[in-house]
N, C-alpha and C. Protein backbone atom coordinates (compact mmCIF):
# COMPACT_ATOMS: atom_id res chain seq x y z
N MET A 1 -9.06 -24.20 -4.77
CA MET A 1 -10.08 -23.18 -3.42
C MET A 1 -9.06 -22.16 -3.26
N THR A 2 -9.48 -20.98 -3.30
CA THR A 2 -9.24 -19.78 -2.96
C THR A 2 -9.25 -19.80 -1.15
N GLU A 3 -8.14 -19.67 -0.86
CA GLU A 3 -7.70 -19.65 0.74
C GLU A 3 -8.78 -18.40 0.77
N GLN A 4 -9.82 -17.97 1.97
CA GLN A 4 -10.27 -16.85 3.09
C GLN A 4 -9.76 -17.10 4.02
N TYR A 5 -9.46 -14.89 3.82
CA TYR A 5 -8.55 -14.76 4.63
C TYR A 5 -9.56 -13.66 5.68
N ASP A 6 -8.92 -13.26 7.50
CA ASP A 6 -9.47 -12.35 8.16
C ASP A 6 -9.29 -12.02 9.25
N PHE A 7 -9.83 -11.08 9.79
CA PHE A 7 -9.51 -10.67 11.04
C PHE A 7 -8.42 -11.73 11.90
N TYR A 8 -8.94 -12.59 11.78
CA TYR A 8 -8.57 -13.98 12.55
C TYR A 8 -7.29 -15.33 11.70
N HIS A 9 -7.95 -15.21 10.01
CA HIS A 9 -6.54 -15.79 9.56
C HIS A 9 -5.87 -15.79 8.58
N LYS A 10 -4.96 -14.73 8.88
CA LYS A 10 -4.26 -13.11 7.30
C LYS A 10 -3.39 -14.62 7.12
N MET A 11 -3.16 -13.67 5.97
CA MET A 11 -1.97 -13.73 4.51
C MET A 11 -0.60 -13.57 5.00
N PRO A 12 0.18 -14.59 5.45
CA PRO A 12 2.00 -14.25 5.23
C PRO A 12 2.42 -12.90 4.73
N LYS A 13 2.88 -12.59 5.55
CA LYS A 13 2.66 -10.54 5.43
C LYS A 13 3.77 -10.07 4.41
N ASP A 14 5.03 -10.88 3.83
CA ASP A 14 5.33 -10.95 2.87
C ASP A 14 4.48 -11.09 1.09
N GLN A 15 3.05 -12.02 1.39
CA GLN A 15 2.84 -12.53 0.86
C GLN A 15 1.35 -10.91 0.06
N ALA A 16 1.23 -10.81 1.47
CA ALA A 16 0.18 -9.80 2.18
C ALA A 16 1.20 -8.54 0.49
N VAL A 17 1.58 -8.31 1.44
CA VAL A 17 2.75 -6.93 0.92
C VAL A 17 3.19 -7.01 -0.83
N SER A 18 3.79 -7.82 -0.91
CA SER A 18 3.82 -7.98 -2.75
C SER A 18 2.50 -8.12 -3.27
N SER A 19 2.20 -8.45 -3.44
CA SER A 19 0.14 -8.53 -3.44
C SER A 19 -0.83 -6.89 -3.10
N VAL A 20 0.16 -5.85 -2.42
CA VAL A 20 -0.53 -5.32 -2.79
C VAL A 20 1.02 -3.78 -4.30
N ILE A 21 1.86 -4.44 -3.67
CA ILE A 21 2.74 -3.77 -5.23
C ILE A 21 2.19 -4.54 -6.36
N GLU A 22 1.46 -6.28 -6.50
CA GLU A 22 1.70 -5.69 -7.51
C GLU A 22 -0.07 -5.58 -8.22
N LYS A 23 -0.45 -4.81 -7.34
CA LYS A 23 -2.08 -4.19 -7.17
C LYS A 23 -1.72 -2.45 -7.66
N MET A 24 -0.41 -1.65 -7.47
CA MET A 24 -0.27 -1.12 -7.32
C MET A 24 0.96 -0.69 -8.33
N LEU A 25 1.30 -1.58 -9.27
CA LEU A 25 2.39 -1.55 -10.43
C LEU A 25 0.50 -0.88 -11.39
N ASP A 26 -0.33 -1.91 -11.15
CA ASP A 26 -1.26 -1.88 -12.30
C ASP A 26 -1.58 -0.68 -13.28
N PHE A 27 -1.68 0.33 -11.50
CA PHE A 27 -2.39 0.92 -11.93
C PHE A 27 -1.90 3.07 -11.29
N TYR A 28 -1.09 2.74 -10.33
CA TYR A 28 -0.85 3.62 -10.13
C TYR A 28 0.70 4.34 -10.53
N ASP A 29 1.32 4.98 -11.51
CA ASP A 29 2.07 6.04 -12.01
C ASP A 29 2.87 6.70 -11.69
N ASN A 30 2.60 6.75 -10.28
CA ASN A 30 3.90 7.74 -9.50
C ASN A 30 4.85 6.58 -8.22
N ALA A 31 5.73 7.42 -7.50
CA ALA A 31 5.98 6.13 -7.40
C ALA A 31 5.20 6.09 -5.36
N PHE A 32 5.79 4.44 -5.44
CA PHE A 32 4.98 4.67 -4.17
C PHE A 32 6.69 3.77 -3.30
N ASP A 33 5.58 2.77 -2.11
CA ASP A 33 6.83 2.16 -1.05
C ASP A 33 5.85 1.59 -0.90
N VAL A 34 5.61 -0.18 -0.55
CA VAL A 34 4.71 -0.61 0.56
C VAL A 34 5.51 -1.60 1.34
N ALA A 35 5.29 -1.47 2.75
CA ALA A 35 5.98 -2.53 3.59
C ALA A 35 5.07 -2.27 4.66
N PHE A 36 5.09 -3.29 6.22
CA PHE A 36 4.77 -4.40 7.29
C PHE A 36 5.29 -3.41 8.01
N GLU A 37 4.58 -2.04 8.37
CA GLU A 37 4.68 -2.05 9.44
C GLU A 37 3.93 -1.65 10.69
N ASP A 38 4.05 -1.17 12.02
CA ASP A 38 3.15 -1.71 13.64
C ASP A 38 1.90 -2.36 13.06
N GLY A 39 2.19 -3.78 11.96
CA GLY A 39 0.84 -4.54 12.14
C GLY A 39 -0.48 -4.41 11.15
N GLY A 40 0.28 -3.17 10.36
CA GLY A 40 -0.80 -3.57 8.60
C GLY A 40 0.24 -2.81 7.97
N ILE A 41 -0.60 -2.74 7.36
CA ILE A 41 0.61 -2.65 5.56
C ILE A 41 0.39 -1.21 5.41
N ALA A 42 1.82 -0.11 4.58
CA ALA A 42 1.67 1.45 5.33
C ALA A 42 2.29 0.81 3.21
N ILE A 43 2.11 1.87 2.68
CA ILE A 43 1.20 2.75 1.08
C ILE A 43 2.09 3.64 1.01
N TYR A 44 3.34 4.04 0.85
CA TYR A 44 3.65 5.69 0.55
C TYR A 44 3.50 5.93 -1.15
N ALA A 45 2.36 6.74 -0.76
CA ALA A 45 2.82 6.66 -2.60
C ALA A 45 3.18 8.29 -2.82
N GLU A 46 3.86 8.42 -4.17
CA GLU A 46 3.78 10.01 -3.74
C GLU A 46 3.02 10.74 -5.22
N CYS A 47 2.88 11.97 -4.77
CA CYS A 47 1.35 12.69 -5.62
C CYS A 47 1.49 13.83 -5.16
N GLU A 48 1.59 14.81 -6.20
CA GLU A 48 1.93 16.58 -6.91
C GLU A 48 1.98 17.18 -5.71
N ASP A 49 0.82 16.81 -5.16
CA ASP A 49 0.49 17.29 -3.60
C ASP A 49 -0.62 16.41 -1.83
N PRO A 50 0.37 16.90 -1.56
CA PRO A 50 0.48 15.71 -0.43
C PRO A 50 -1.37 15.98 0.33
N ASN A 51 -0.69 17.71 0.90
CA ASN A 51 -2.01 18.09 1.70
C ASN A 51 -3.44 18.47 0.63
N ASP A 52 -3.68 18.19 -0.21
CA ASP A 52 -4.96 18.32 -1.84
C ASP A 52 -5.86 18.74 -1.55
N GLY A 53 -5.93 17.83 -0.53
CA GLY A 53 -7.51 16.28 -0.26
C GLY A 53 -8.14 16.11 -1.40
N LYS A 54 -7.01 15.35 -2.44
CA LYS A 54 -7.61 14.82 -3.06
C LYS A 54 -7.74 13.44 -3.01
N SER A 55 -8.17 12.23 -3.72
CA SER A 55 -7.67 10.70 -3.40
C SER A 55 -6.98 10.18 -4.29
N THR A 56 -6.54 9.92 -3.67
CA THR A 56 -4.80 8.56 -4.91
C THR A 56 -6.01 7.56 -5.35
N GLY A 57 -7.15 7.02 -5.59
CA GLY A 57 -7.36 6.11 -6.04
C GLY A 57 -7.37 4.27 -5.63
N ILE A 58 -6.52 4.64 -4.90
CA ILE A 58 -5.92 3.69 -4.26
C ILE A 58 -6.62 2.66 -3.84
N ARG A 59 -7.33 3.36 -2.57
CA ARG A 59 -8.42 2.91 -1.53
C ARG A 59 -9.58 1.77 -2.81
N GLU A 60 -9.95 2.79 -3.35
CA GLU A 60 -10.89 2.47 -4.69
C GLU A 60 -10.71 1.53 -5.27
N LYS A 61 -8.85 0.45 -6.00
CA LYS A 61 -9.24 -0.05 -6.40
C LYS A 61 -8.57 -1.71 -5.71
N ILE A 62 -7.63 -0.34 -4.52
CA ILE A 62 -7.12 -2.29 -3.24
C ILE A 62 -8.27 -2.79 -3.30
N GLY A 63 -9.51 -1.83 -2.41
CA GLY A 63 -9.87 -2.92 -1.59
C GLY A 63 -10.23 -2.15 0.09
N SER A 64 -11.13 -2.81 1.59
CA SER A 64 -10.94 -2.41 1.83
C SER A 64 -9.72 -2.94 3.14
N GLY A 65 -9.22 -4.20 2.96
CA GLY A 65 -8.02 -4.69 3.63
C GLY A 65 -7.53 -5.60 2.47
N ILE A 66 -6.62 -6.27 2.55
CA ILE A 66 -5.05 -7.35 1.79
C ILE A 66 -5.05 -8.09 2.94
N GLY A 67 -5.96 -9.12 2.81
CA GLY A 67 -5.28 -9.91 3.01
C GLY A 67 -5.58 -11.09 5.09
N GLY A 68 -6.51 -9.85 5.03
CA GLY A 68 -6.98 -9.44 6.67
C GLY A 68 -6.15 -8.73 7.19
N TRP A 69 -5.49 -7.85 6.52
CA TRP A 69 -4.85 -7.07 7.04
C TRP A 69 -5.45 -5.42 6.61
N TYR A 70 -5.77 -4.82 7.78
CA TYR A 70 -5.46 -3.29 7.51
C TYR A 70 -4.34 -2.83 6.86
N PHE A 71 -4.60 -1.42 5.79
CA PHE A 71 -3.34 -1.12 4.80
C PHE A 71 -3.57 0.96 5.72
N VAL A 72 -2.91 1.72 5.77
CA VAL A 72 -3.54 2.52 5.93
C VAL A 72 -1.89 3.16 4.29
N ILE A 73 -2.17 4.44 3.31
CA ILE A 73 -2.30 4.60 2.06
C ILE A 73 -1.74 6.34 3.26
N VAL A 74 0.02 6.38 3.01
CA VAL A 74 -0.12 7.82 3.38
C VAL A 74 0.61 8.10 2.80
N LYS A 75 0.16 9.50 1.96
CA LYS A 75 0.09 10.90 0.42
C LYS A 75 1.39 11.05 1.11
N VAL A 76 2.24 10.49 -0.26
CA VAL A 76 4.04 12.19 -0.08
C VAL A 76 4.06 12.99 -1.13
N GLY A 77 4.96 13.82 -1.01
CA GLY A 77 5.19 14.39 -2.13
C GLY A 77 6.42 14.42 -2.86
N ASP A 78 6.51 14.70 -3.95
CA ASP A 78 7.16 14.28 -4.88
C ASP A 78 8.62 13.42 -4.29
N GLY A 79 9.64 13.08 -4.71
CA GLY A 79 10.94 12.08 -4.23
C GLY A 79 10.90 12.24 -3.12
N TYR A 80 10.04 11.42 -2.17
CA TYR A 80 9.90 11.22 -0.42
C TYR A 80 10.48 9.66 -0.45
N VAL A 81 10.31 9.27 -1.31
CA VAL A 81 9.95 7.27 -1.98
C VAL A 81 11.36 7.22 -2.26
N LYS A 82 12.74 7.89 -2.79
CA LYS A 82 13.43 7.23 -3.56
C LYS A 82 14.89 8.40 -2.33
N GLN A 83 14.22 9.29 -1.91
CA GLN A 83 14.70 10.34 -0.92
C GLN A 83 14.96 8.62 1.26
N PHE A 84 13.40 8.52 0.83
CA PHE A 84 13.40 8.32 2.57
C PHE A 84 13.37 7.10 2.76
N ARG A 85 12.39 6.08 1.49
CA ARG A 85 12.21 5.10 1.27
C ARG A 85 12.88 4.29 1.31
N LYS A 86 14.49 4.01 1.15
CA LYS A 86 15.58 3.40 0.04
C LYS A 86 15.25 2.10 0.97
N ARG A 87 15.49 0.77 0.34
CA ARG A 87 15.61 0.01 0.89
C ARG A 87 17.02 -0.76 0.61
N ASP A 88 17.78 -1.75 2.21
CA ASP A 88 18.96 -2.29 2.47
C ASP A 88 19.69 -3.06 1.27
């Protein structure tokens, strides 16, 4: 039986982040980073022009939430992920 997650019964944080990473690898061609921050999932997605107002297509592919967690998409310029989202 598949587990059902909602606002009150959430997927473990690390599992939710891993789930987003797996989905992103399937369709997103640019660099990205996924992290659990401030009570939700932040997706840092590189794009040519972060201010162009165009959709990244991420929300359409991922849906409205991951395992009961909200997520935000932060559009960033080329090179941002490598420069500022380094993992220790």
